[in-house]
Amino acid sequence: MTTDRPLRVGIMGFGQIGRQIYDLACRSADIEVVAIADVGQPEILHYLLSAEVEDPERYTLQGNFLVNQSSRARLMQIDLPAETPWDIFDVDAVIDATGKFRGRRHMEEHLANGAGRVVLRTLPLDDIDRIVIPAINGSEIQPDDRMISGGSPTTTALCLLLHNLAQRFAIDCASMTTVHAFTSDQALQDYAGSDFRRSRSAAKNIIPNTHEASLWLGRIMPEFEGRVMTWALNVPVQEGNLLDVNLVMEDQSVAAEDINEVMRAAAQTLDGVVAVAEDPIVSSDVIGSTSSLLFDAKGTVKAGKNTIKTLSWYENLGHAARLLDVVRLYGALGQEAAQ
């Protein structure tokens, strides 16, 4: 990896978050997306991108290349990591944005095919080198990390909340429920799926679901190992998620406004990653935010002596931005080693 060129990135999976990663990367000078692998036809992938971005004219399709003013990305109609020829494109990192290939085996296939590193856009299925949340444990990364997870939108939002509050207050335990937009792997009509509840229509139901954040939280923040329960409710909303966290504080004197003040300070320190909403917003108001946590100051309530309820908002665009930040962290690490 050299210091005189942008980081060369490949993307596998050009769904919503893959397209967001591409669009954000194309608006930066330090990252160049050079190849995109997806099962979709190039014409359809370009059409979907154009339907979502603010200025679709900046992106054109030239044969099998997605082109903008600064770069050309080769579109490859490929279904599996083992089929991706990343070595041809000299990629520094591959972001697997499919959400499907989460195990070591698939990550190793990316690496064997020429990826310098592979970054999952979601939590892994089994043990990998590191889960990185840039504003929390980004300083712990190592040059030999090759299989990396960038967490998930919910995991990042939860970790940012807990991390900032734990620097000021002693938290005994917590319970999180994410009220989450329906996802692309849910059926819009009742259809037999992986379990009973997820077989019901995502467009008509509030569907209780498990969430994996608690399984991996100890890898990111060891002090919270076994002390946080996580759940999900998938609701008939296409974008915009709500993080509902109940905190059990060790100190009974902690007030709701104390929590708000800490999060306001965090928004100043982590500008662009954490933000605070002082007005009574709803889920659609977070759409388009590249922050990973939009803390809702009006949603903080104290119940009883020790319990404080908090509300925060987030959406996939913020996670796409953080995944690129993970790539940048490793790029900077490589540059330091080269000097």
Protein backbone atom coordinates (compact mmCIF):
# COMPACT_ATOMS: atom_id res chain seq x y z
CA MET A 1 0.00 0.00 0.00
CA THR A 2 1.50 3.36 -1.03
CA THR A 3 0.94 6.86 0.24
CA ASP A 4 0.51 8.59 -3.11
CA ARG A 5 -2.78 7.10 -4.30
CA PRO A 6 -6.29 6.57 -2.95
CA LEU A 7 -7.09 3.32 -1.19
CA ARG A 8 -8.36 0.82 -3.76
CA VAL A 9 -11.57 -0.83 -2.57
CA GLY A 10 -13.75 -3.59 -3.92
CA ILE A 11 -17.40 -4.02 -2.92
CA MET A 12 -19.27 -7.30 -2.93
CA GLY A 13 -23.02 -6.78 -2.81
CA PHE A 14 -24.59 -3.71 -4.41
CA GLY A 15 -27.76 -3.58 -2.35
CA GLN A 16 -28.75 -0.45 -0.46
CA ILE A 17 -25.73 -0.31 1.82
CA GLY A 18 -23.35 -1.27 -1.00
CA ARG A 19 -24.69 1.59 -3.08
CA GLN A 20 -24.36 3.96 -0.12
CA ILE A 21 -20.73 2.90 0.38
CA TYR A 22 -20.02 3.49 -3.30
CA ASP A 23 -21.69 6.90 -3.36
CA LEU A 24 -19.88 8.10 -0.22
CA ALA A 25 -16.54 6.79 -1.49
CA CYS A 26 -16.99 8.58 -4.81
CA ARG A 27 -17.44 11.84 -2.94
CA SER A 28 -14.11 11.45 -1.14
CA ALA A 29 -10.60 11.84 -2.46
CA ASP A 30 -8.90 9.12 -0.40
CA ILE A 31 -10.90 6.03 -1.45
CA GLU A 32 -11.47 4.69 -4.96
CA VAL A 33 -13.94 1.88 -5.63
CA VAL A 34 -12.35 -0.10 -8.44
CA ALA A 35 -14.58 -3.17 -8.66
CA ILE A 36 -18.10 -4.22 -7.64
CA ALA A 37 -19.37 -7.80 -7.53
CA ASP A 38 -23.11 -8.46 -7.55
CA VAL A 39 -25.52 -10.92 -9.13
CA GLY A 40 -27.51 -8.10 -10.73
CA GLN A 41 -27.25 -6.96 -14.32
CA PRO A 42 -25.09 -3.82 -14.71
CA GLU A 43 -27.99 -1.87 -16.25
CA ILE A 44 -30.21 -2.62 -13.25
CA LEU A 45 -27.49 -1.82 -10.72
CA HIS A 46 -26.91 1.56 -12.39
CA TYR A 47 -30.65 2.18 -12.48
CA LEU A 48 -31.03 1.49 -8.75
CA LEU A 49 -28.08 3.72 -7.89
CA SER A 50 -29.49 6.53 -10.03
CA ALA A 51 -32.88 6.21 -8.34
CA GLU A 52 -31.38 6.81 -4.88
CA VAL A 53 -28.59 9.39 -5.08
CA GLU A 54 -29.13 13.15 -5.05
CA ASP A 55 -27.35 13.81 -8.34
CA PRO A 56 -27.73 10.69 -10.52
CA GLU A 57 -26.16 12.37 -13.54
CA ARG A 58 -22.73 12.07 -11.91
CA TYR A 59 -22.81 8.28 -12.53
CA THR A 60 -22.90 6.72 -15.97
CA LEU A 61 -22.72 3.15 -17.20
CA GLN A 62 -20.11 2.50 -19.88
CA GLY A 63 -20.30 -1.16 -20.82
CA ASN A 64 -19.46 -3.05 -17.64
CA PHE A 65 -18.00 -0.01 -15.89
CA LEU A 66 -19.73 2.35 -13.47
CA VAL A 67 -18.10 5.69 -14.13
CA ASN A 68 -17.94 9.07 -12.40
CA GLN A 69 -15.65 12.06 -12.80
CA SER A 70 -12.86 10.54 -10.73
CA SER A 71 -13.02 6.75 -11.12
CA ARG A 72 -14.19 3.69 -13.04
CA ALA A 73 -15.51 0.65 -11.18
CA ARG A 74 -15.72 -2.68 -12.99
CA LEU A 75 -19.10 -4.35 -12.49
CA MET A 76 -18.80 -8.14 -12.21
CA GLN A 77 -21.90 -10.34 -12.31
CA ILE A 78 -20.65 -12.74 -9.63
CA ASP A 79 -22.48 -14.65 -6.92
CA LEU A 80 -19.80 -16.06 -4.58
CA PRO A 81 -16.62 -14.78 -2.89
CA ALA A 82 -14.66 -17.69 -4.37
CA GLU A 83 -15.42 -16.35 -7.87
CA THR A 84 -14.17 -12.78 -7.34
CA PRO A 85 -10.84 -11.93 -9.04
CA TRP A 86 -9.76 -9.19 -6.66
CA ASP A 87 -6.08 -9.71 -7.60
CA ILE A 88 -6.75 -8.24 -11.04
CA PHE A 89 -7.77 -4.94 -9.44
CA ASP A 90 -5.00 -4.72 -6.82
CA VAL A 91 -7.51 -3.97 -4.07
CA ASP A 92 -6.32 -2.89 -0.63
CA ALA A 93 -9.60 -3.95 0.97
CA VAL A 94 -12.89 -5.58 0.05
CA ILE A 95 -16.09 -4.57 1.81
CA ASP A 96 -18.47 -7.53 1.80
CA ALA A 97 -21.80 -5.71 1.89
CA THR A 98 -23.95 -8.73 1.09
CA GLY A 99 -24.78 -9.59 4.71
CA LYS A 100 -24.70 -13.25 3.62
CA PHE A 101 -21.05 -14.32 3.60
CA ARG A 102 -20.24 -13.83 7.27
CA GLY A 103 -18.07 -16.85 8.08
CA ARG A 104 -14.29 -17.31 8.04
CA ARG A 105 -14.49 -19.60 5.02
CA HIS A 106 -15.97 -16.94 2.78
CA MET A 107 -13.64 -14.26 4.13
CA GLU A 108 -10.67 -16.51 3.44
CA GLU A 109 -11.90 -16.93 -0.14
CA HIS A 110 -11.84 -13.14 -0.60
CA LEU A 111 -8.28 -13.08 0.73
CA ALA A 112 -7.16 -16.01 -1.40
CA ASN A 113 -8.44 -14.18 -4.47
CA GLY A 114 -6.32 -11.11 -3.85
CA ALA A 115 -8.06 -8.93 -1.27
CA GLY A 116 -5.59 -7.26 1.07
CA ARG A 117 -8.24 -7.26 3.80
CA VAL A 118 -11.92 -8.05 3.94
CA VAL A 119 -14.36 -5.98 5.99
CA LEU A 120 -17.83 -7.37 6.75
CA ARG A 121 -20.68 -4.89 6.88
CA THR A 122 -22.31 -6.97 9.60
CA LEU A 123 -21.35 -9.07 12.60
CA PRO A 124 -19.49 -12.34 11.87
CA LEU A 125 -20.72 -15.87 12.34
CA ASP A 126 -17.53 -17.13 13.97
CA ASP A 127 -14.19 -15.94 15.29
CA ILE A 128 -12.29 -13.46 13.09
CA ASP A 129 -9.37 -11.11 13.64
CA ARG A 130 -11.27 -8.09 14.93
CA ILE A 131 -14.57 -6.23 15.19
CA VAL A 132 -13.84 -2.53 14.73
CA ILE A 133 -16.02 0.39 15.79
CA PRO A 134 -13.82 3.34 14.75
CA ALA A 135 -14.74 5.79 17.52
CA ILE A 136 -14.36 3.14 20.22
CA ASN A 137 -11.61 0.60 19.52
CA GLY A 138 -10.04 1.88 16.32
CA SER A 139 -6.76 2.49 18.14
CA GLU A 140 -6.43 -1.24 18.86
CA ILE A 141 -6.15 -2.42 15.25
CA GLN A 142 -3.04 -4.33 14.17
CA PRO A 143 -1.25 -4.67 10.80
CA ASP A 144 -1.89 -8.42 10.70
CA ASP A 145 -5.68 -8.02 10.96
CA ARG A 146 -7.07 -9.34 7.71
CA MET A 147 -10.58 -10.60 8.54
CA ILE A 148 -12.49 -7.69 10.06
CA SER A 149 -16.08 -6.85 10.90
CA GLY A 150 -17.32 -3.28 10.98
CA GLY A 151 -20.11 -4.32 13.35
CA SER A 152 -23.65 -3.48 12.32
CA PRO A 153 -25.69 -0.26 12.41
CA THR A 154 -27.40 -1.33 15.63
CA THR A 155 -24.20 -2.60 17.27
CA THR A 156 -22.36 0.62 16.46
CA ALA A 157 -25.17 2.80 17.80
CA LEU A 158 -25.40 0.77 21.01
CA CYS A 159 -21.63 0.77 21.56
CA LEU A 160 -21.39 4.53 21.04
CA LEU A 161 -24.12 5.12 23.61
CA LEU A 162 -22.65 2.77 26.22
CA HIS A 163 -19.05 3.86 25.64
CA ASN A 164 -19.72 7.55 26.13
CA LEU A 165 -21.97 7.11 29.15
CA ALA A 166 -19.63 4.59 30.82
CA GLN A 167 -16.81 7.14 30.80
CA ARG A 168 -18.87 9.24 33.23
CA PHE A 169 -21.24 6.83 35.04
CA ALA A 170 -21.09 3.30 36.46
CA ILE A 171 -23.62 1.18 34.56
CA ASP A 172 -24.67 -2.06 36.24
CA CYS A 173 -26.50 -3.57 33.25
CA ALA A 174 -28.65 -2.61 30.29
CA SER A 175 -31.40 -3.87 28.01
CA MET A 176 -31.66 -2.78 24.38
CA THR A 177 -34.51 -3.09 21.91
CA THR A 178 -34.01 -1.83 18.39
CA VAL A 179 -37.26 -0.85 16.66
CA HIS A 180 -35.90 -1.62 13.24
CA ALA A 181 -37.05 -1.08 9.67
CA PHE A 182 -37.80 -4.30 7.84
CA THR A 183 -34.85 -5.84 6.03
CA SER A 184 -34.36 -7.28 2.54
CA ASP A 185 -34.27 -10.87 3.83
CA GLN A 186 -37.83 -10.60 5.19
CA ALA A 187 -40.85 -11.61 3.11
CA LEU A 188 -43.39 -8.93 2.18
CA GLN A 189 -46.12 -11.58 2.21
CA ASP A 190 -46.46 -14.50 4.63
CA TYR A 191 -43.95 -17.05 3.38
CA ALA A 192 -42.26 -20.00 5.10
CA GLY A 193 -38.86 -18.79 6.25
CA SER A 194 -36.13 -19.49 8.80
CA ASP A 195 -38.45 -19.30 11.81
CA PHE A 196 -42.13 -18.85 12.61
CA ARG A 197 -42.23 -15.10 13.23
CA ARG A 198 -39.90 -14.19 10.37
CA SER A 199 -42.25 -16.11 8.07
CA ARG A 200 -44.88 -13.42 8.55
CA SER A 201 -45.31 -10.39 6.28
CA ALA A 202 -42.81 -7.61 7.05
CA ALA A 203 -45.18 -5.08 5.47
CA LYS A 204 -48.09 -5.88 7.80
CA ASN A 205 -46.58 -6.81 11.17
CA ILE A 206 -44.41 -5.83 14.10
CA ILE A 207 -42.15 -8.88 14.27
CA PRO A 208 -40.15 -9.69 17.44
CA ASN A 209 -36.65 -10.86 16.64
CA THR A 210 -33.37 -11.66 18.32
CA HIS A 211 -30.28 -9.48 17.87
CA GLU A 212 -26.68 -10.64 17.90
CA ALA A 213 -25.11 -7.52 19.39
CA SER A 214 -24.99 -8.99 22.90
CA LEU A 215 -23.02 -12.01 21.63
CA TRP A 216 -20.17 -9.84 20.34
CA LEU A 217 -20.31 -6.82 22.63
CA GLY A 218 -17.60 -8.25 24.87
CA ARG A 219 -15.17 -8.35 21.93
CA ILE A 220 -15.62 -4.62 21.43
CA MET A 221 -16.16 -3.48 25.02
CA PRO A 222 -15.01 -6.21 27.44
CA GLU A 223 -16.36 -4.32 30.45
CA PHE A 224 -19.92 -5.02 29.22
CA GLU A 225 -19.48 -8.76 28.67
CA GLY A 226 -22.66 -10.53 29.81
CA ARG A 227 -24.29 -7.33 31.08
CA VAL A 228 -26.43 -6.26 28.12
CA MET A 229 -29.48 -7.99 26.66
CA THR A 230 -30.41 -7.17 23.06
CA TRP A 231 -33.68 -7.61 21.16
CA ALA A 232 -35.26 -6.37 17.95
CA LEU A 233 -38.70 -5.46 16.69
CA ASN A 234 -38.89 -5.31 12.91
CA VAL A 235 -41.64 -2.87 11.92
CA PRO A 236 -43.34 -1.89 8.61
CA VAL A 237 -41.02 1.07 7.95
CA GLN A 238 -38.52 1.05 5.08
CA GLU A 239 -35.83 3.30 6.60
CA GLY A 240 -34.96 4.77 9.98
CA ASN A 241 -34.38 2.83 13.19
CA LEU A 242 -34.95 3.57 16.88
CA LEU A 243 -32.59 2.39 19.63
CA ASP A 244 -34.44 1.98 22.95
CA VAL A 245 -31.99 1.33 25.81
CA ASN A 246 -32.81 0.95 29.50
CA LEU A 247 -29.79 1.57 31.72
CA VAL A 248 -29.52 0.41 35.31
CA MET A 249 -27.18 2.86 37.01
CA GLU A 250 -25.17 2.04 40.12
CA ASP A 251 -25.49 5.62 41.40
CA GLN A 252 -29.09 6.53 42.24
CA SER A 253 -28.33 10.25 41.99
CA VAL A 254 -27.85 10.18 38.20
CA ALA A 255 -30.64 12.19 36.56
CA ALA A 256 -32.00 12.14 33.01
CA GLU A 257 -30.46 15.52 32.27
CA ASP A 258 -27.05 14.22 33.39
CA ILE A 259 -27.29 11.61 30.64
CA ASN A 260 -28.27 14.25 28.10
CA GLU A 261 -25.34 16.47 29.01
CA VAL A 262 -22.84 13.64 28.52
CA MET A 263 -24.27 12.86 25.09
CA ARG A 264 -24.19 16.53 24.11
CA ALA A 265 -20.50 16.56 24.99
CA ALA A 266 -19.97 13.36 22.99
CA ALA A 267 -21.55 15.00 19.95
CA GLN A 268 -18.97 17.78 20.21
CA THR A 269 -16.07 15.33 20.53
CA LEU A 270 -17.31 12.87 17.91
CA ASP A 271 -18.74 15.31 15.41
CA GLY A 272 -20.14 13.46 12.41
CA VAL A 273 -20.38 10.19 14.32
CA VAL A 274 -22.61 11.15 17.26
CA ALA A 275 -25.27 13.87 17.12
CA VAL A 276 -28.03 15.05 19.44
CA ALA A 277 -31.61 15.96 18.50
CA GLU A 278 -33.23 18.48 20.83
CA ASP A 279 -36.54 18.63 18.94
CA PRO A 280 -39.26 15.91 18.90
CA ILE A 281 -38.16 13.97 15.82
CA VAL A 282 -39.52 10.74 14.31
CA SER A 283 -37.91 7.96 12.28
CA SER A 284 -38.04 9.67 8.87
CA ASP A 285 -36.07 12.61 10.26
CA VAL A 286 -32.93 10.48 10.60
CA ILE A 287 -32.93 9.47 6.93
CA GLY A 288 -29.88 10.92 5.21
CA SER A 289 -27.84 11.27 8.40
CA THR A 290 -24.26 9.98 8.24
CA SER A 291 -24.06 9.95 12.04
CA SER A 292 -24.10 6.50 13.60
CA LEU A 293 -26.05 7.69 16.63
CA LEU A 294 -28.59 10.52 16.77
CA PHE A 295 -29.35 10.78 20.47
CA ASP A 296 -32.89 11.94 21.31
CA ALA A 297 -32.61 14.32 24.26
CA LYS A 298 -36.39 14.47 24.67
CA GLY A 299 -36.58 10.68 25.03
CA THR A 300 -34.50 10.40 28.22
CA VAL A 301 -36.62 9.41 31.22
CA LYS A 302 -35.74 8.23 34.72
CA ALA A 303 -37.90 5.46 36.21
CA GLY A 304 -37.56 4.55 39.87
CA LYS A 305 -34.21 4.92 41.63
CA ASN A 306 -31.73 3.42 39.20
CA THR A 307 -33.26 2.98 35.74
CA ILE A 308 -32.90 5.52 32.94
CA LYS A 309 -34.52 5.03 29.55
CA THR A 310 -32.87 6.52 26.46
CA LEU A 311 -33.93 6.83 22.82
CA SER A 312 -31.62 7.25 19.83
CA TRP A 313 -31.99 7.07 16.05
CA TYR A 314 -29.82 5.72 13.25
CA GLU A 315 -29.97 4.48 9.67
CA ASN A 316 -27.80 2.52 7.23
CA LEU A 317 -26.09 5.55 5.71
CA GLY A 318 -24.23 6.21 8.95
CA HIS A 319 -23.01 2.63 8.96
CA ALA A 320 -21.81 2.92 5.37
CA ALA A 321 -19.76 5.93 6.43
CA ARG A 322 -18.25 4.02 9.37
CA LEU A 323 -17.29 1.08 7.14
CA LEU A 324 -15.27 3.47 5.00
CA ASP A 325 -13.73 4.83 8.21
CA VAL A 326 -12.60 1.27 9.05
CA VAL A 327 -10.92 1.05 5.65
CA ARG A 328 -9.24 4.39 6.30
CA LEU A 329 -7.94 3.26 9.70
CA TYR A 330 -6.21 0.28 8.13
CA GLY A 331 -4.99 2.39 5.23
CA ALA A 332 -3.34 4.80 7.68
CA LEU A 333 -1.81 1.85 9.52
CA GLY A 334 -0.30 0.61 6.28
CA GLN A 335 1.08 4.04 5.46
CA GLU A 336 2.71 4.29 8.88
CA ALA A 337 4.37 0.90 8.36
CA ALA A 338 5.67 1.99 4.95
CA GLN A 339 7.36 5.12 6.31
